[in-house]
Amino acid sequence: MKRSLIILCAVLAFISFSAARSAYAFSYEFDLGPDMLNLNHNFAYTWGFSQETAGEEIITGATLTFTNINNWAADESDILYVHLLDNAPEGIRSYNDSRSEGDYFDNIGILLFTFTDDNENPIYNRRGKLTGYDNRAENLTYDFTSNTSAFEALKTYMENGILALGFGFDPDCHYYFSSIQFTLLTEVVVPPAPDPIEPDPVTLDDPQPTDPSGPASIPEPGTLVLLGAGLTGLAFFRRYNLKK
């Protein structure tokens, strides 16, 4: 019985805490397909967008996911650089990367991560010559909450109900993929309504006073007769005692 009462109290406390605030969650998803972006090693790319949001939102999470990412061959320069940018033209833009090596966006924005395809399974012919790799595609997900500086920077890109940011991709090897998706999770917290203020009680005047002031009471005639008789008796007994 005692245990049941403890559990009941805990449940009621949780319900009371939950009722103290209301939260509304939102999710924004932005997708790229291979028909929109070709990660060719001769170019660097930016992906920028601007999105109107619900209003006073706070960012609670974000992920950038590459589905079935793969490169065409094993190479020493097999690196994909991914940056978070605070200012990028809306849509997809490509930039000539004649170096084909190194980070095109070096010192621009925040470097989120680099990716190198593993190419772990070499393939040899009958003569023992390396002919290629059994290079299977894989999924890659970057969680912004794993990088405090990037996550805090991401929060600043949502102001006055507008989300504006971009990504920079610099492949130093030709990469293929099925899709790239950026998912943003936000929340609007509505504070609880304040308790209504009750007015101070107002004391109303009693229409009938509890202690009315009236005229002074006048003794009745019978009372005066008794009083006079008493005084006369006292005077008589006093004179009688003096004569003795």
Protein backbone atom coordinates (compact mmCIF):
# COMPACT_ATOMS: atom_id res chain seq x y z
CA MET A 1 0.00 0.00 0.00
CA LYS A 2 2.79 2.40 0.97
CA ARG A 3 4.66 1.66 -2.25
CA SER A 4 1.53 2.32 -4.30
CA LEU A 5 1.12 5.70 -2.63
CA ILE A 6 4.74 6.62 -3.40
CA ILE A 7 4.29 5.70 -7.07
CA LEU A 8 1.05 7.66 -7.26
CA CYS A 9 2.73 10.74 -5.78
CA ALA A 10 5.60 10.47 -8.26
CA VAL A 11 3.17 10.24 -11.19
CA LEU A 12 1.24 13.25 -9.99
CA ALA A 13 4.47 15.23 -9.56
CA PHE A 14 5.55 14.37 -13.11
CA ILE A 15 2.18 15.40 -14.50
CA SER A 16 2.35 18.68 -12.62
CA PHE A 17 5.85 19.39 -13.96
CA SER A 18 4.83 18.53 -17.52
CA ALA A 19 1.83 20.81 -17.30
CA ALA A 20 4.03 23.70 -16.23
CA ARG A 21 5.40 24.12 -19.75
CA SER A 22 4.25 23.30 -23.27
CA ALA A 23 6.75 22.40 -25.99
CA TYR A 24 6.12 22.20 -29.73
CA ALA A 25 8.67 20.28 -31.82
CA PHE A 26 9.42 20.90 -35.49
CA SER A 27 11.53 19.08 -38.07
CA TYR A 28 13.02 20.55 -41.25
CA GLU A 29 14.51 18.34 -43.96
CA PHE A 30 16.56 19.41 -46.97
CA ASP A 31 17.52 16.86 -49.63
CA LEU A 32 19.96 16.64 -52.50
CA GLY A 33 20.05 13.95 -55.16
CA PRO A 34 22.84 12.97 -57.59
CA ASP A 35 20.94 14.78 -60.34
CA MET A 36 21.44 18.04 -58.39
CA LEU A 37 25.04 17.59 -57.26
CA ASN A 38 27.97 15.78 -58.85
CA LEU A 39 30.90 15.49 -56.43
CA ASN A 40 33.61 15.74 -59.09
CA HIS A 41 37.18 16.17 -57.83
CA ASN A 42 37.76 19.06 -60.28
CA PHE A 43 35.29 21.28 -58.44
CA ALA A 44 34.24 22.46 -55.01
CA TYR A 45 30.58 23.05 -54.21
CA THR A 46 28.35 25.05 -51.91
CA TRP A 47 24.82 24.18 -50.88
CA GLY A 48 22.97 27.14 -49.40
CA PHE A 49 19.39 27.66 -48.37
CA SER A 50 17.11 30.01 -46.49
CA GLN A 51 14.07 28.72 -44.66
CA GLU A 52 11.33 30.56 -42.83
CA THR A 53 10.61 28.95 -39.47
CA ALA A 54 7.71 28.98 -37.04
CA GLY A 55 9.12 31.85 -34.99
CA GLU A 56 10.85 31.79 -31.62
CA GLU A 57 12.44 28.37 -32.05
CA ILE A 58 15.56 26.86 -30.51
CA ILE A 59 17.63 24.22 -32.30
CA THR A 60 17.71 20.94 -30.38
CA GLY A 61 19.49 18.71 -32.90
CA ALA A 62 20.79 18.40 -36.44
CA THR A 63 22.29 15.75 -38.69
CA LEU A 64 23.90 15.65 -42.13
CA THR A 65 23.55 12.24 -43.79
CA PHE A 66 25.16 10.84 -46.94
CA THR A 67 23.39 7.73 -48.22
CA ASN A 68 25.36 5.15 -50.23
CA ILE A 69 28.47 7.31 -50.51
CA ASN A 70 31.30 5.80 -52.49
CA ASN A 71 34.26 6.81 -54.64
CA TRP A 72 35.33 5.41 -57.97
CA ALA A 73 38.75 4.05 -56.97
CA ALA A 74 41.41 3.92 -54.32
CA ASP A 75 43.55 7.04 -54.36
CA GLU A 76 45.99 8.75 -52.02
CA SER A 77 43.93 11.95 -52.27
CA ASP A 78 40.70 10.11 -51.40
CA ILE A 79 39.31 12.82 -49.07
CA LEU A 80 36.00 14.63 -48.90
CA TYR A 81 36.02 17.92 -46.92
CA VAL A 82 32.70 19.11 -45.46
CA HIS A 83 32.31 22.63 -44.03
CA LEU A 84 29.49 24.51 -42.31
CA LEU A 85 29.12 27.98 -43.83
CA ASP A 86 27.27 30.97 -42.42
CA ASN A 87 26.95 32.64 -45.80
CA ALA A 88 26.39 30.70 -49.00
CA PRO A 89 24.39 31.47 -52.16
CA GLU A 90 21.02 29.75 -52.18
CA GLY A 91 20.98 26.49 -54.11
CA ILE A 92 23.98 24.64 -55.58
CA ARG A 93 27.07 26.50 -56.80
CA SER A 94 30.26 24.96 -58.21
CA TYR A 95 33.76 26.44 -58.16
CA ASN A 96 36.73 25.41 -60.27
CA ASP A 97 39.23 23.56 -58.08
CA SER A 98 42.29 23.31 -60.29
CA ARG A 99 44.47 22.03 -57.44
CA SER A 100 42.32 18.90 -56.98
CA GLU A 101 44.09 18.44 -53.66
CA GLY A 102 43.77 20.10 -50.29
CA ASP A 103 40.80 21.86 -48.76
CA TYR A 104 39.21 24.46 -51.03
CA PHE A 105 37.32 25.95 -48.06
CA ASP A 106 40.34 26.11 -45.75
CA ASN A 107 39.75 28.78 -43.06
CA ILE A 108 36.21 29.37 -44.34
CA GLY A 109 33.38 28.48 -42.00
CA ILE A 110 33.76 25.47 -39.73
CA LEU A 111 35.31 22.20 -40.88
CA LEU A 112 32.80 19.59 -39.73
CA PHE A 113 34.65 16.46 -40.83
CA THR A 114 36.63 14.75 -43.54
CA PHE A 115 35.69 11.42 -45.05
CA THR A 116 37.95 8.84 -46.66
CA ASP A 117 36.51 5.77 -48.33
CA ASP A 118 38.01 2.68 -46.74
CA ASN A 119 38.58 0.51 -49.85
CA GLU A 120 39.40 -2.35 -47.54
CA ASN A 121 38.91 -5.29 -49.87
CA PRO A 122 41.45 -5.45 -52.74
CA ILE A 123 40.71 -7.65 -55.75
CA TYR A 124 43.51 -9.59 -57.51
CA ASN A 125 43.51 -11.48 -60.79
CA ARG A 126 44.83 -14.98 -61.23
CA ARG A 127 48.38 -13.68 -61.63
CA GLY A 128 48.17 -11.88 -58.32
CA LYS A 129 47.90 -8.42 -59.83
CA LEU A 130 45.74 -5.83 -58.07
CA THR A 131 42.85 -5.00 -60.35
CA GLY A 132 40.61 -2.98 -58.03
CA TYR A 133 38.71 -3.00 -54.79
CA ASP A 134 35.46 -4.44 -53.59
CA ASN A 135 34.39 -0.99 -52.53
CA ARG A 136 30.87 -1.13 -51.19
CA ALA A 137 28.82 2.01 -50.65
CA GLU A 138 28.09 3.04 -47.08
CA ASN A 139 26.00 5.50 -45.12
CA LEU A 140 27.62 8.42 -43.33
CA THR A 141 25.85 10.52 -40.67
CA TYR A 142 27.31 13.53 -38.91
CA ASP A 143 25.58 14.55 -35.65
CA PHE A 144 26.03 18.23 -34.84
CA THR A 145 25.57 17.65 -31.12
CA SER A 146 28.91 15.78 -31.14
CA ASN A 147 30.73 19.06 -31.89
CA THR A 148 29.91 21.80 -29.38
CA SER A 149 31.39 24.67 -31.39
CA ALA A 150 29.59 23.63 -34.58
CA PHE A 151 26.31 23.12 -32.75
CA GLU A 152 26.51 26.52 -31.05
CA ALA A 153 27.38 28.17 -34.36
CA LEU A 154 24.44 26.46 -36.00
CA LYS A 155 22.11 27.98 -33.40
CA THR A 156 23.21 31.49 -34.38
CA TYR A 157 22.12 30.91 -38.00
CA MET A 158 18.46 30.99 -36.97
CA GLU A 159 17.38 34.55 -36.23
CA ASN A 160 14.07 36.39 -36.45
CA GLY A 161 12.27 33.34 -37.78
CA ILE A 162 14.72 32.77 -40.67
CA LEU A 163 17.21 29.91 -40.99
CA ALA A 164 20.09 30.82 -43.31
CA LEU A 165 23.22 28.70 -43.71
CA GLY A 166 25.10 26.50 -46.14
CA PHE A 167 27.57 23.67 -46.58
CA GLY A 168 30.82 23.49 -48.48
CA PHE A 169 31.88 20.22 -50.15
CA ASP A 170 35.33 19.70 -51.58
CA PRO A 171 35.92 16.19 -52.97
CA ASP A 172 39.52 15.38 -53.82
CA CYS A 173 38.27 12.21 -55.45
CA HIS A 174 35.10 11.60 -57.44
CA TYR A 175 32.36 10.56 -55.01
CA TYR A 176 28.99 9.03 -55.77
CA PHE A 177 25.94 9.00 -53.51
CA SER A 178 22.21 8.32 -53.50
CA SER A 179 21.18 11.32 -51.40
CA ILE A 180 22.42 13.97 -49.02
CA GLN A 181 19.98 15.05 -46.33
CA PHE A 182 20.23 17.80 -43.74
CA THR A 183 17.73 17.39 -40.88
CA LEU A 184 17.13 20.12 -38.35
CA LEU A 185 15.16 19.62 -35.13
CA THR A 186 13.75 22.62 -33.28
CA GLU A 187 11.47 23.33 -30.37
CA VAL A 188 9.26 26.18 -29.27
CA VAL A 189 8.76 26.35 -25.52
CA VAL A 190 5.64 28.16 -24.35
CA PRO A 191 5.88 29.29 -20.71
CA PRO A 192 2.93 28.46 -18.49
CA ALA A 193 0.25 31.09 -18.11
CA PRO A 194 0.58 33.03 -14.84
CA ASP A 195 -1.91 32.32 -12.11
CA PRO A 196 -4.78 34.82 -12.08
CA ILE A 197 -4.38 37.55 -9.49
CA GLU A 198 -7.31 37.61 -7.12
CA PRO A 199 -8.47 41.10 -6.08
CA ASP A 200 -8.15 42.11 -2.45
CA PRO A 201 -11.38 41.59 -0.55
CA VAL A 202 -13.42 44.79 -0.21
CA THR A 203 -15.13 45.46 3.13
CA LEU A 204 -18.60 46.89 2.58
CA ASP A 205 -20.20 49.22 5.13
CA ASP A 206 -22.86 47.53 7.21
CA PRO A 207 -26.14 49.36 6.53
CA GLN A 208 -27.17 48.75 10.15
CA PRO A 209 -24.50 49.84 12.66
CA THR A 210 -23.74 47.27 15.31
CA ASP A 211 -23.37 49.96 18.02
CA PRO A 212 -25.81 52.73 17.22
CA SER A 213 -25.53 55.93 19.16
CA GLY A 214 -28.91 56.94 20.61
CA PRO A 215 -30.25 59.44 23.19
CA ALA A 216 -29.20 59.06 26.88
CA SER A 217 -31.48 56.75 28.86
CA ILE A 218 -33.90 58.51 31.26
CA PRO A 219 -34.85 56.77 34.58
CA GLU A 220 -38.48 55.77 34.86
CA PRO A 221 -40.70 57.42 37.63
CA GLY A 222 -40.88 54.19 39.66
CA THR A 223 -37.14 54.06 39.88
CA LEU A 224 -36.99 57.61 41.19
CA VAL A 225 -39.59 56.82 43.92
CA LEU A 226 -37.59 53.81 45.12
CA LEU A 227 -34.37 55.80 45.11
CA GLY A 228 -35.96 58.61 47.14
CA ALA A 229 -37.41 56.15 49.66
CA GLY A 230 -34.07 54.56 50.18
CA LEU A 231 -32.30 57.85 50.77
CA THR A 232 -35.02 58.93 53.26
CA GLY A 233 -34.63 55.66 55.19
CA LEU A 234 -30.88 56.06 55.42
CA ALA A 235 -31.25 59.60 56.76
CA PHE A 236 -33.79 58.43 59.36
CA PHE A 237 -31.59 55.62 60.67
CA ARG A 238 -28.59 57.90 60.87
CA ARG A 239 -30.50 60.53 62.94
CA TYR A 240 -31.84 57.76 65.19
CA ASN A 241 -28.34 56.53 65.95
CA LEU A 242 -27.12 60.00 66.74
CA LYS A 243 -29.86 60.50 69.37
CA LYS A 244 -28.74 57.40 71.20
